[in-house]
Amino acid sequence: MSQIFLRELSESDITDDYLFWFRDDDVTKFLEVDGKSLTKEKVVNYIREGKSTGTYFMYAICLSESKQHIGNLKIGPINKKHNISDLVTVIWNKKYWGKGFATEAIRMGIRLAFEKYGIRKLSASIHSDNIGSIKSYTEAGFFIEGKLKNHYYVDGKYCDLIMVSCFNLAL
């Protein structure tokens, strides 16, 4: 039995605890989001926009046993012309870092993207200093496709962008 499950992220998931985790610099260090400016209204509008446009879909990563919401997975933006998409994950509850939950969520996200949304290729852009994410994606079935030198600026220094990808072999 799986340790986690994915379900659609709902407006009721956007609690004070949810917003608290996104204000943690460790959680947002490698994300392209300013967690300190997030409000419930902004997040709810973001969820609604994805659903209404069909360009991205947000999922809650939850523990199977307790149903606790510990992170998010995003499929998108989806480019329907080319059937490609990003797959983004974050385990924002740091109590669950390093326990394999991200890898498991990525595997589930791959299946969901390929089977439900007909995606041909998934990609993720990862900061080279984010060793945990690189490991999670590659263990889940992604491969390193390329590197952009000095692409990001984090903690006063430049680091590379590592591009990882995964193909839907059923297509």
N, C-alpha and C. Protein backbone atom coordinates (compact mmCIF):
# COMPACT_ATOMS: atom_id res chain seq x y z
N MET A 1 0.83 -1.18 0.00
CA MET A 1 0.00 0.00 0.00
C MET A 1 0.88 1.25 0.00
N SER A 2 0.44 2.24 -0.72
CA SER A 2 1.18 3.49 -0.84
C SER A 2 1.12 4.30 0.46
N GLN A 3 2.20 5.00 0.74
CA GLN A 3 2.24 5.85 1.93
C GLN A 3 1.47 7.15 1.73
N ILE A 4 1.22 7.50 0.47
CA ILE A 4 0.55 8.77 0.16
C ILE A 4 -0.50 8.56 -0.91
N PHE A 5 -1.32 9.59 -1.11
CA PHE A 5 -2.24 9.63 -2.24
C PHE A 5 -2.33 11.08 -2.69
N LEU A 6 -2.77 11.26 -3.93
CA LEU A 6 -3.01 12.59 -4.49
C LEU A 6 -4.51 12.80 -4.60
N ARG A 7 -4.93 14.02 -4.32
CA ARG A 7 -6.31 14.42 -4.57
C ARG A 7 -6.28 15.86 -5.04
N GLU A 8 -7.32 16.28 -5.73
CA GLU A 8 -7.37 17.67 -6.19
C GLU A 8 -7.23 18.61 -5.00
N LEU A 9 -6.42 19.64 -5.17
CA LEU A 9 -6.28 20.66 -4.14
C LEU A 9 -7.58 21.46 -4.11
N SER A 10 -8.15 21.63 -2.94
CA SER A 10 -9.42 22.35 -2.83
C SER A 10 -9.21 23.66 -2.10
N GLU A 11 -10.18 24.52 -2.25
CA GLU A 11 -10.11 25.83 -1.59
C GLU A 11 -10.04 25.68 -0.08
N SER A 12 -10.67 24.65 0.47
CA SER A 12 -10.65 24.44 1.92
C SER A 12 -9.27 24.01 2.42
N ASP A 13 -8.38 23.59 1.51
CA ASP A 13 -7.01 23.23 1.90
C ASP A 13 -6.16 24.46 2.25
N ILE A 14 -6.59 25.62 1.81
CA ILE A 14 -5.79 26.84 1.98
C ILE A 14 -6.10 27.43 3.36
N THR A 15 -5.40 26.89 4.33
CA THR A 15 -5.57 27.27 5.73
C THR A 15 -4.42 28.16 6.18
N ASP A 16 -4.50 28.62 7.41
CA ASP A 16 -3.38 29.39 7.97
C ASP A 16 -2.11 28.55 8.02
N ASP A 17 -2.24 27.24 8.34
CA ASP A 17 -1.07 26.35 8.35
C ASP A 17 -0.45 26.26 6.96
N TYR A 18 -1.28 26.15 5.94
CA TYR A 18 -0.81 26.08 4.56
C TYR A 18 0.02 27.33 4.24
N LEU A 19 -0.54 28.49 4.53
CA LEU A 19 0.16 29.75 4.26
C LEU A 19 1.43 29.87 5.10
N PHE A 20 1.39 29.36 6.33
CA PHE A 20 2.57 29.39 7.21
C PHE A 20 3.75 28.68 6.56
N TRP A 21 3.52 27.48 6.01
CA TRP A 21 4.61 26.72 5.41
C TRP A 21 5.22 27.46 4.22
N PHE A 22 4.41 28.17 3.48
CA PHE A 22 4.95 28.89 2.33
C PHE A 22 5.64 30.19 2.72
N ARG A 23 5.63 30.52 3.98
CA ARG A 23 6.40 31.68 4.48
C ARG A 23 7.75 31.24 5.02
N ASP A 24 8.01 29.94 4.99
CA ASP A 24 9.26 29.37 5.48
C ASP A 24 10.30 29.44 4.36
N ASP A 25 11.39 30.15 4.61
CA ASP A 25 12.43 30.32 3.59
C ASP A 25 13.03 29.00 3.12
N ASP A 26 13.11 28.01 4.00
CA ASP A 26 13.64 26.71 3.59
C ASP A 26 12.73 26.05 2.55
N VAL A 27 11.43 26.20 2.73
CA VAL A 27 10.46 25.59 1.83
C VAL A 27 10.47 26.29 0.48
N THR A 28 10.58 27.60 0.47
CA THR A 28 10.47 28.37 -0.78
C THR A 28 11.81 28.69 -1.43
N LYS A 29 12.89 28.26 -0.83
CA LYS A 29 14.22 28.60 -1.34
C LYS A 29 14.38 28.31 -2.83
N PHE A 30 13.86 27.19 -3.29
CA PHE A 30 14.03 26.80 -4.69
C PHE A 30 12.75 26.93 -5.50
N LEU A 31 11.73 27.55 -4.93
CA LEU A 31 10.47 27.74 -5.64
C LEU A 31 10.41 29.13 -6.26
N GLU A 32 9.68 29.25 -7.33
CA GLU A 32 9.50 30.55 -7.99
C GLU A 32 8.23 31.20 -7.45
N VAL A 33 8.15 31.31 -6.13
CA VAL A 33 6.99 31.91 -5.49
C VAL A 33 7.47 32.74 -4.31
N ASP A 34 6.83 33.87 -4.12
CA ASP A 34 7.11 34.69 -2.94
C ASP A 34 6.08 34.33 -1.88
N GLY A 35 6.43 33.37 -1.04
CA GLY A 35 5.50 32.87 -0.04
C GLY A 35 5.04 33.92 0.94
N LYS A 36 5.86 34.91 1.17
CA LYS A 36 5.50 35.94 2.16
C LYS A 36 4.34 36.81 1.68
N SER A 37 4.13 36.87 0.36
CA SER A 37 3.03 37.69 -0.17
C SER A 37 1.77 36.87 -0.47
N LEU A 38 1.84 35.56 -0.21
CA LEU A 38 0.67 34.71 -0.49
C LEU A 38 -0.45 35.00 0.50
N THR A 39 -1.65 35.07 -0.04
CA THR A 39 -2.84 35.19 0.79
C THR A 39 -3.78 34.07 0.38
N LYS A 40 -4.75 33.78 1.21
CA LYS A 40 -5.73 32.75 0.88
C LYS A 40 -6.41 33.11 -0.43
N GLU A 41 -6.77 34.37 -0.60
CA GLU A 41 -7.46 34.81 -1.81
C GLU A 41 -6.61 34.56 -3.06
N LYS A 42 -5.31 34.88 -3.00
CA LYS A 42 -4.43 34.66 -4.16
C LYS A 42 -4.33 33.18 -4.52
N VAL A 43 -4.18 32.33 -3.51
CA VAL A 43 -4.04 30.90 -3.77
C VAL A 43 -5.34 30.33 -4.31
N VAL A 44 -6.47 30.71 -3.73
CA VAL A 44 -7.77 30.23 -4.21
C VAL A 44 -7.99 30.66 -5.66
N ASN A 45 -7.67 31.91 -5.97
CA ASN A 45 -7.81 32.39 -7.35
C ASN A 45 -6.90 31.62 -8.30
N TYR A 46 -5.69 31.26 -7.84
CA TYR A 46 -4.76 30.50 -8.65
C TYR A 46 -5.32 29.11 -8.95
N ILE A 47 -5.87 28.46 -7.94
CA ILE A 47 -6.48 27.13 -8.13
C ILE A 47 -7.63 27.24 -9.14
N ARG A 48 -8.49 28.23 -8.96
CA ARG A 48 -9.64 28.43 -9.86
C ARG A 48 -9.19 28.70 -11.30
N GLU A 49 -8.16 29.52 -11.46
CA GLU A 49 -7.67 29.86 -12.80
C GLU A 49 -7.18 28.61 -13.53
N GLY A 50 -6.44 27.75 -12.84
CA GLY A 50 -5.94 26.53 -13.46
C GLY A 50 -7.07 25.65 -13.95
N LYS A 51 -8.08 25.48 -13.10
CA LYS A 51 -9.23 24.64 -13.48
C LYS A 51 -10.01 25.26 -14.64
N SER A 52 -10.25 26.55 -14.57
CA SER A 52 -11.09 27.19 -15.60
C SER A 52 -10.40 27.24 -16.96
N THR A 53 -9.09 27.42 -16.97
CA THR A 53 -8.36 27.49 -18.24
C THR A 53 -7.90 26.12 -18.73
N GLY A 54 -7.81 25.16 -17.81
CA GLY A 54 -7.32 23.83 -18.18
C GLY A 54 -5.84 23.81 -18.49
N THR A 55 -5.12 24.85 -18.06
CA THR A 55 -3.69 24.91 -18.37
C THR A 55 -2.81 24.35 -17.26
N TYR A 56 -3.36 24.19 -16.07
CA TYR A 56 -2.63 23.54 -14.99
C TYR A 56 -3.62 23.03 -13.95
N PHE A 57 -3.17 22.02 -13.21
CA PHE A 57 -4.01 21.38 -12.22
C PHE A 57 -3.19 21.14 -10.95
N MET A 58 -3.78 21.48 -9.83
CA MET A 58 -3.11 21.40 -8.53
C MET A 58 -3.65 20.20 -7.75
N TYR A 59 -2.74 19.47 -7.11
CA TYR A 59 -3.10 18.31 -6.30
C TYR A 59 -2.46 18.42 -4.92
N ALA A 60 -3.19 17.93 -3.93
CA ALA A 60 -2.66 17.83 -2.57
C ALA A 60 -1.97 16.48 -2.44
N ILE A 61 -0.80 16.48 -1.84
CA ILE A 61 -0.09 15.25 -1.50
C ILE A 61 -0.47 14.96 -0.04
N CYS A 62 -1.10 13.82 0.19
CA CYS A 62 -1.63 13.51 1.52
C CYS A 62 -1.12 12.16 1.99
N LEU A 63 -0.93 12.04 3.30
CA LEU A 63 -0.53 10.78 3.91
C LEU A 63 -1.72 9.82 3.87
N SER A 64 -1.49 8.58 3.47
CA SER A 64 -2.56 7.59 3.37
C SER A 64 -3.20 7.31 4.71
N GLU A 65 -2.38 7.16 5.73
CA GLU A 65 -2.90 6.76 7.03
C GLU A 65 -3.73 7.85 7.71
N SER A 66 -3.21 9.08 7.76
CA SER A 66 -3.88 10.15 8.52
C SER A 66 -4.66 11.12 7.65
N LYS A 67 -4.49 11.05 6.33
CA LYS A 67 -5.10 11.99 5.36
C LYS A 67 -4.49 13.40 5.45
N GLN A 68 -3.41 13.56 6.22
CA GLN A 68 -2.78 14.87 6.39
C GLN A 68 -2.18 15.38 5.08
N HIS A 69 -2.45 16.62 4.76
CA HIS A 69 -1.95 17.30 3.56
C HIS A 69 -0.53 17.79 3.87
N ILE A 70 0.48 17.26 3.14
CA ILE A 70 1.88 17.59 3.45
C ILE A 70 2.60 18.31 2.32
N GLY A 71 1.96 18.44 1.17
CA GLY A 71 2.62 19.08 0.04
C GLY A 71 1.69 19.21 -1.14
N ASN A 72 2.24 19.71 -2.24
CA ASN A 72 1.46 19.93 -3.45
C ASN A 72 2.18 19.35 -4.66
N LEU A 73 1.39 19.02 -5.66
CA LEU A 73 1.91 18.62 -6.96
C LEU A 73 1.12 19.42 -8.00
N LYS A 74 1.84 19.95 -8.96
CA LYS A 74 1.20 20.73 -10.03
C LYS A 74 1.56 20.12 -11.37
N ILE A 75 0.54 19.88 -12.17
CA ILE A 75 0.74 19.47 -13.56
C ILE A 75 0.44 20.71 -14.38
N GLY A 76 1.48 21.27 -15.00
CA GLY A 76 1.28 22.47 -15.80
C GLY A 76 2.41 23.46 -15.63
N PRO A 77 2.44 24.43 -16.50
CA PRO A 77 1.46 24.70 -17.54
C PRO A 77 1.50 23.63 -18.63
N ILE A 78 0.32 23.27 -19.08
CA ILE A 78 0.18 22.27 -20.13
C ILE A 78 0.13 22.98 -21.48
N ASN A 79 1.02 22.57 -22.37
CA ASN A 79 1.02 23.06 -23.75
C ASN A 79 0.29 22.00 -24.57
N LYS A 80 -0.96 22.29 -24.92
CA LYS A 80 -1.82 21.30 -25.59
C LYS A 80 -1.40 21.05 -27.03
N LYS A 81 -0.77 22.02 -27.65
CA LYS A 81 -0.32 21.83 -29.04
C LYS A 81 0.73 20.73 -29.11
N HIS A 82 1.65 20.71 -28.13
CA HIS A 82 2.76 19.76 -28.15
C HIS A 82 2.58 18.62 -27.14
N ASN A 83 1.50 18.67 -26.35
CA ASN A 83 1.25 17.67 -25.30
C ASN A 83 2.42 17.54 -24.34
N ILE A 84 2.90 18.70 -23.88
CA ILE A 84 4.00 18.73 -22.91
C ILE A 84 3.55 19.52 -21.68
N SER A 85 4.22 19.25 -20.57
CA SER A 85 3.87 19.94 -19.34
C SER A 85 5.03 19.87 -18.35
N ASP A 86 5.02 20.82 -17.43
CA ASP A 86 5.89 20.74 -16.27
C ASP A 86 5.20 19.88 -15.23
N LEU A 87 6.01 19.30 -14.36
CA LEU A 87 5.50 18.59 -13.17
C LEU A 87 6.29 19.14 -12.00
N VAL A 88 5.59 19.81 -11.11
CA VAL A 88 6.23 20.49 -9.98
C VAL A 88 5.74 19.86 -8.68
N THR A 89 6.66 19.58 -7.79
CA THR A 89 6.28 19.05 -6.47
C THR A 89 6.94 19.85 -5.37
N VAL A 90 6.27 19.91 -4.25
CA VAL A 90 6.86 20.47 -3.04
C VAL A 90 6.25 19.75 -1.84
N ILE A 91 7.11 19.25 -1.01
CA ILE A 91 6.69 18.76 0.30
C ILE A 91 6.96 19.93 1.23
N TRP A 92 5.91 20.63 1.62
CA TRP A 92 6.13 21.84 2.40
C TRP A 92 6.16 21.59 3.88
N ASN A 93 5.70 20.45 4.33
CA ASN A 93 5.82 20.11 5.75
C ASN A 93 7.18 19.43 5.94
N LYS A 94 8.12 20.17 6.53
CA LYS A 94 9.51 19.71 6.60
C LYS A 94 9.70 18.44 7.43
N LYS A 95 8.72 18.10 8.25
CA LYS A 95 8.77 16.86 9.03
C LYS A 95 8.86 15.65 8.09
N TYR A 96 8.41 15.82 6.85
CA TYR A 96 8.34 14.70 5.91
C TYR A 96 9.40 14.77 4.81
N TRP A 97 10.37 15.63 4.96
CA TRP A 97 11.47 15.70 3.99
C TRP A 97 12.37 14.48 4.15
N GLY A 98 12.93 14.01 3.04
CA GLY A 98 13.90 12.93 3.05
C GLY A 98 13.33 11.56 3.33
N LYS A 99 12.03 11.39 3.23
CA LYS A 99 11.38 10.11 3.54
C LYS A 99 10.81 9.42 2.30
N GLY A 100 11.10 9.96 1.13
CA GLY A 100 10.65 9.33 -0.12
C GLY A 100 9.27 9.74 -0.58
N PHE A 101 8.62 10.66 0.13
CA PHE A 101 7.26 11.06 -0.26
C PHE A 101 7.25 11.82 -1.58
N ALA A 102 8.24 12.66 -1.82
CA ALA A 102 8.29 13.40 -3.08
C ALA A 102 8.46 12.45 -4.25
N THR A 103 9.35 11.47 -4.11
CA THR A 103 9.56 10.50 -5.18
C THR A 103 8.27 9.75 -5.49
N GLU A 104 7.57 9.34 -4.46
CA GLU A 104 6.30 8.63 -4.64
C GLU A 104 5.26 9.54 -5.30
N ALA A 105 5.20 10.79 -4.87
CA ALA A 105 4.25 11.74 -5.46
C ALA A 105 4.57 11.99 -6.93
N ILE A 106 5.85 12.09 -7.27
CA ILE A 106 6.25 12.30 -8.66
C ILE A 106 5.82 11.10 -9.52
N ARG A 107 6.03 9.89 -9.01
CA ARG A 107 5.58 8.70 -9.76
C ARG A 107 4.08 8.74 -10.02
N MET A 108 3.32 9.13 -8.98
CA MET A 108 1.87 9.24 -9.14
C MET A 108 1.51 10.35 -10.12
N GLY A 109 2.24 11.46 -10.05
CA GLY A 109 2.01 12.58 -10.96
C GLY A 109 2.29 12.21 -12.40
N ILE A 110 3.30 11.41 -12.62
CA ILE A 110 3.62 10.93 -13.97
C ILE A 110 2.44 10.15 -14.54
N ARG A 111 1.95 9.19 -13.76
CA ARG A 111 0.81 8.39 -14.22
C ARG A 111 -0.41 9.27 -14.50
N LEU A 112 -0.69 10.18 -13.58
CA LEU A 112 -1.84 11.07 -13.73
C LEU A 112 -1.71 11.92 -15.00
N ALA A 113 -0.54 12.51 -15.20
CA ALA A 113 -0.32 13.37 -16.37
C ALA A 113 -0.46 12.59 -17.67
N PHE A 114 0.09 11.40 -17.71
CA PHE A 114 0.05 10.60 -18.92
C PHE A 114 -1.35 10.04 -19.18
N GLU A 115 -1.98 9.50 -18.14
CA GLU A 115 -3.25 8.80 -18.32
C GLU A 115 -4.45 9.75 -18.38
N LYS A 116 -4.50 10.75 -17.51
CA LYS A 116 -5.67 11.63 -17.46
C LYS A 116 -5.57 12.79 -18.45
N TYR A 117 -4.37 13.34 -18.61
CA TYR A 117 -4.22 14.55 -19.43
C TYR A 117 -3.56 14.30 -20.78
N GLY A 118 -3.16 13.06 -21.05
CA GLY A 118 -2.58 12.72 -22.34
C GLY A 118 -1.26 13.41 -22.64
N ILE A 119 -0.51 13.70 -21.60
CA ILE A 119 0.78 14.38 -21.77
C ILE A 119 1.78 13.42 -22.41
N ARG A 120 2.54 13.94 -23.35
CA ARG A 120 3.56 13.17 -24.07
C ARG A 120 4.91 13.25 -23.36
N LYS A 121 5.21 14.43 -22.80
CA LYS A 121 6.51 14.65 -22.15
C LYS A 121 6.32 15.58 -20.95
N LEU A 122 6.93 15.18 -19.85
CA LEU A 122 6.95 16.01 -18.64
C LEU A 122 8.36 16.53 -18.43
N SER A 123 8.45 17.73 -17.88
CA SER A 123 9.75 18.32 -17.56
C SER A 123 9.69 19.00 -16.20
N ALA A 124 10.86 19.21 -15.63
CA ALA A 124 11.00 20.00 -14.41
C ALA A 124 12.33 20.71 -14.46
N SER A 125 12.34 21.94 -14.02
CA SER A 125 13.56 22.75 -13.93
C SER A 125 13.96 22.83 -12.47
N ILE A 126 15.16 22.34 -12.16
CA ILE A 126 15.58 22.22 -10.77
C ILE A 126 16.89 22.98 -10.57
N HIS A 127 16.98 23.73 -9.48
CA HIS A 127 18.23 24.38 -9.10
C HIS A 127 19.27 23.29 -8.81
N SER A 128 20.48 23.47 -9.30
CA SER A 128 21.51 22.44 -9.12
C SER A 128 21.85 22.21 -7.65
N ASP A 129 21.61 23.17 -6.78
CA ASP A 129 21.87 22.99 -5.35
C ASP A 129 20.75 22.20 -4.66
N ASN A 130 19.66 21.97 -5.34
CA ASN A 130 18.52 21.25 -4.76
C ASN A 130 18.70 19.75 -5.02
N ILE A 131 19.67 19.19 -4.32
CA ILE A 131 20.04 17.79 -4.51
C ILE A 131 18.87 16.85 -4.23
N GLY A 132 18.07 17.16 -3.22
CA GLY A 132 16.93 16.31 -2.87
C GLY A 132 15.94 16.19 -4.01
N SER A 133 15.65 17.31 -4.68
CA SER A 133 14.71 17.26 -5.80
C SER A 133 15.29 16.52 -6.99
N ILE A 134 16.54 16.74 -7.29
CA ILE A 134 17.17 16.02 -8.40
C ILE A 134 17.08 14.52 -8.15
N LYS A 135 17.39 14.12 -6.93
CA LYS A 135 17.33 12.70 -6.56
C LYS A 135 15.90 12.17 -6.66
N SER A 136 14.93 12.93 -6.15
CA SER A 136 13.53 12.47 -6.18
C SER A 136 13.05 12.27 -7.61
N TYR A 137 13.31 13.24 -8.48
CA TYR A 137 12.84 13.14 -9.86
C TYR A 137 13.52 11.99 -10.61
N THR A 138 14.83 11.86 -10.46
CA THR A 138 15.52 10.80 -11.20
C THR A 138 15.14 9.41 -10.66
N GLU A 139 14.93 9.29 -9.36
CA GLU A 139 14.48 8.00 -8.81
C GLU A 139 13.06 7.67 -9.27
N ALA A 140 12.26 8.69 -9.56
CA ALA A 140 10.88 8.47 -10.00
C ALA A 140 10.77 8.16 -11.49
N GLY A 141 11.85 8.28 -12.24
CA GLY A 141 11.81 7.93 -13.66
C GLY A 141 12.19 9.04 -14.61
N PHE A 142 12.48 10.23 -14.11
CA PHE A 142 12.96 11.31 -14.97
C PHE A 142 14.45 11.10 -15.25
N PHE A 143 14.94 11.69 -16.33
CA PHE A 143 16.37 11.66 -16.62
C PHE A 143 16.84 13.11 -16.81
N ILE A 144 18.11 13.32 -16.57
CA ILE A 144 18.68 14.65 -16.74
C ILE A 144 18.87 14.89 -18.23
N GLU A 145 18.17 15.89 -18.74
CA GLU A 145 18.21 16.18 -20.17
C GLU A 145 19.19 17.29 -20.51
N GLY A 146 19.43 18.18 -19.57
CA GLY A 146 20.34 19.28 -19.87
C GLY A 146 20.62 20.14 -18.66
N LYS A 147 21.50 21.11 -18.90
CA LYS A 147 21.92 22.02 -17.84
C LYS A 147 22.12 23.41 -18.42
N LEU A 148 21.60 24.41 -17.75
CA LEU A 148 21.85 25.80 -18.11
C LEU A 148 22.77 26.39 -17.04
N LYS A 149 23.93 26.80 -17.45
CA LYS A 149 24.95 27.31 -16.53
C LYS A 149 24.52 28.65 -15.92
N ASN A 150 24.75 28.77 -14.61
CA ASN A 150 24.52 30.03 -13.87
C ASN A 150 23.15 30.65 -14.15
N HIS A 151 22.14 29.83 -14.21
CA HIS A 151 20.80 30.29 -14.58
C HIS A 151 20.08 30.97 -13.41
N TYR A 152 20.24 30.43 -12.21
CA TYR A 152 19.54 30.95 -11.03
C TYR A 152 20.51 31.71 -10.12
N TYR A 153 19.94 32.60 -9.34
CA TYR A 153 20.70 33.33 -8.33
C TYR A 153 20.05 33.03 -6.98
N VAL A 154 20.75 32.27 -6.15
CA VAL A 154 20.21 31.82 -4.87
C VAL A 154 21.25 32.04 -3.78
N ASP A 155 20.83 32.65 -2.69
CA ASP A 155 21.72 32.86 -1.54
C ASP A 155 23.02 33.55 -1.93
N GLY A 156 22.93 34.55 -2.79
CA GLY A 156 24.10 35.34 -3.14
C GLY A 156 25.05 34.69 -4.13
N LYS A 157 24.62 33.60 -4.78
CA LYS A 157 25.50 32.97 -5.77
C LYS A 157 24.68 32.40 -6.91
N TYR A 158 25.32 32.24 -8.04
CA TYR A 158 24.66 31.66 -9.20
C TYR A 158 24.76 30.14 -9.13
N CYS A 159 23.70 29.50 -9.59
CA CYS A 159 23.74 28.04 -9.70
C CYS A 159 23.05 27.64 -11.00
N ASP A 160 23.33 26.43 -11.42
CA ASP A 160 22.83 25.92 -12.69
C ASP A 160 21.37 25.49 -12.57
N LEU A 161 20.70 25.48 -13.71
CA LEU A 161 19.38 24.88 -13.84
C LEU A 161 19.60 23.48 -14.40
N ILE A 162 19.05 22.50 -13.73
CA ILE A 162 19.09 21.13 -14.21
C ILE A 162 17.71 20.80 -14.78
N MET A 163 17.65 20.48 -16.06
CA MET A 163 16.39 20.14 -16.70
C MET A 163 16.24 18.62 -16.70
N VAL A 164 15.15 18.14 -16.08
CA VAL A 164 14.87 16.72 -16.08
C VAL A 164 13.58 16.48 -16.86
N SER A 165 13.47 15.33 -17.49
CA SER A 165 12.32 15.02 -18.34
C SER A 165 11.93 13.56 -18.23
N CYS A 166 10.72 13.29 -18.68
CA CYS A 166 10.16 11.95 -18.66
C CYS A 166 9.19 11.85 -19.83
N PHE A 167 9.28 10.77 -20.60
CA PHE A 167 8.42 10.60 -21.77
C PHE A 167 7.34 9.56 -21.52
N ASN A 168 6.20 9.78 -22.13
CA ASN A 168 5.11 8.81 -22.11
C ASN A 168 5.39 7.80 -23.23
N LEU A 169 5.88 6.66 -22.86
CA LEU A 169 6.27 5.65 -23.85
C LEU A 169 5.08 4.94 -24.48
N ALA A 170 3.89 5.15 -23.90
CA ALA A 170 2.69 4.53 -24.46
C ALA A 170 2.19 5.26 -25.70
N LEU A 171 2.69 6.47 -25.93
CA LEU A 171 2.23 7.24 -27.10
C LEU A 171 3.10 6.98 -28.30
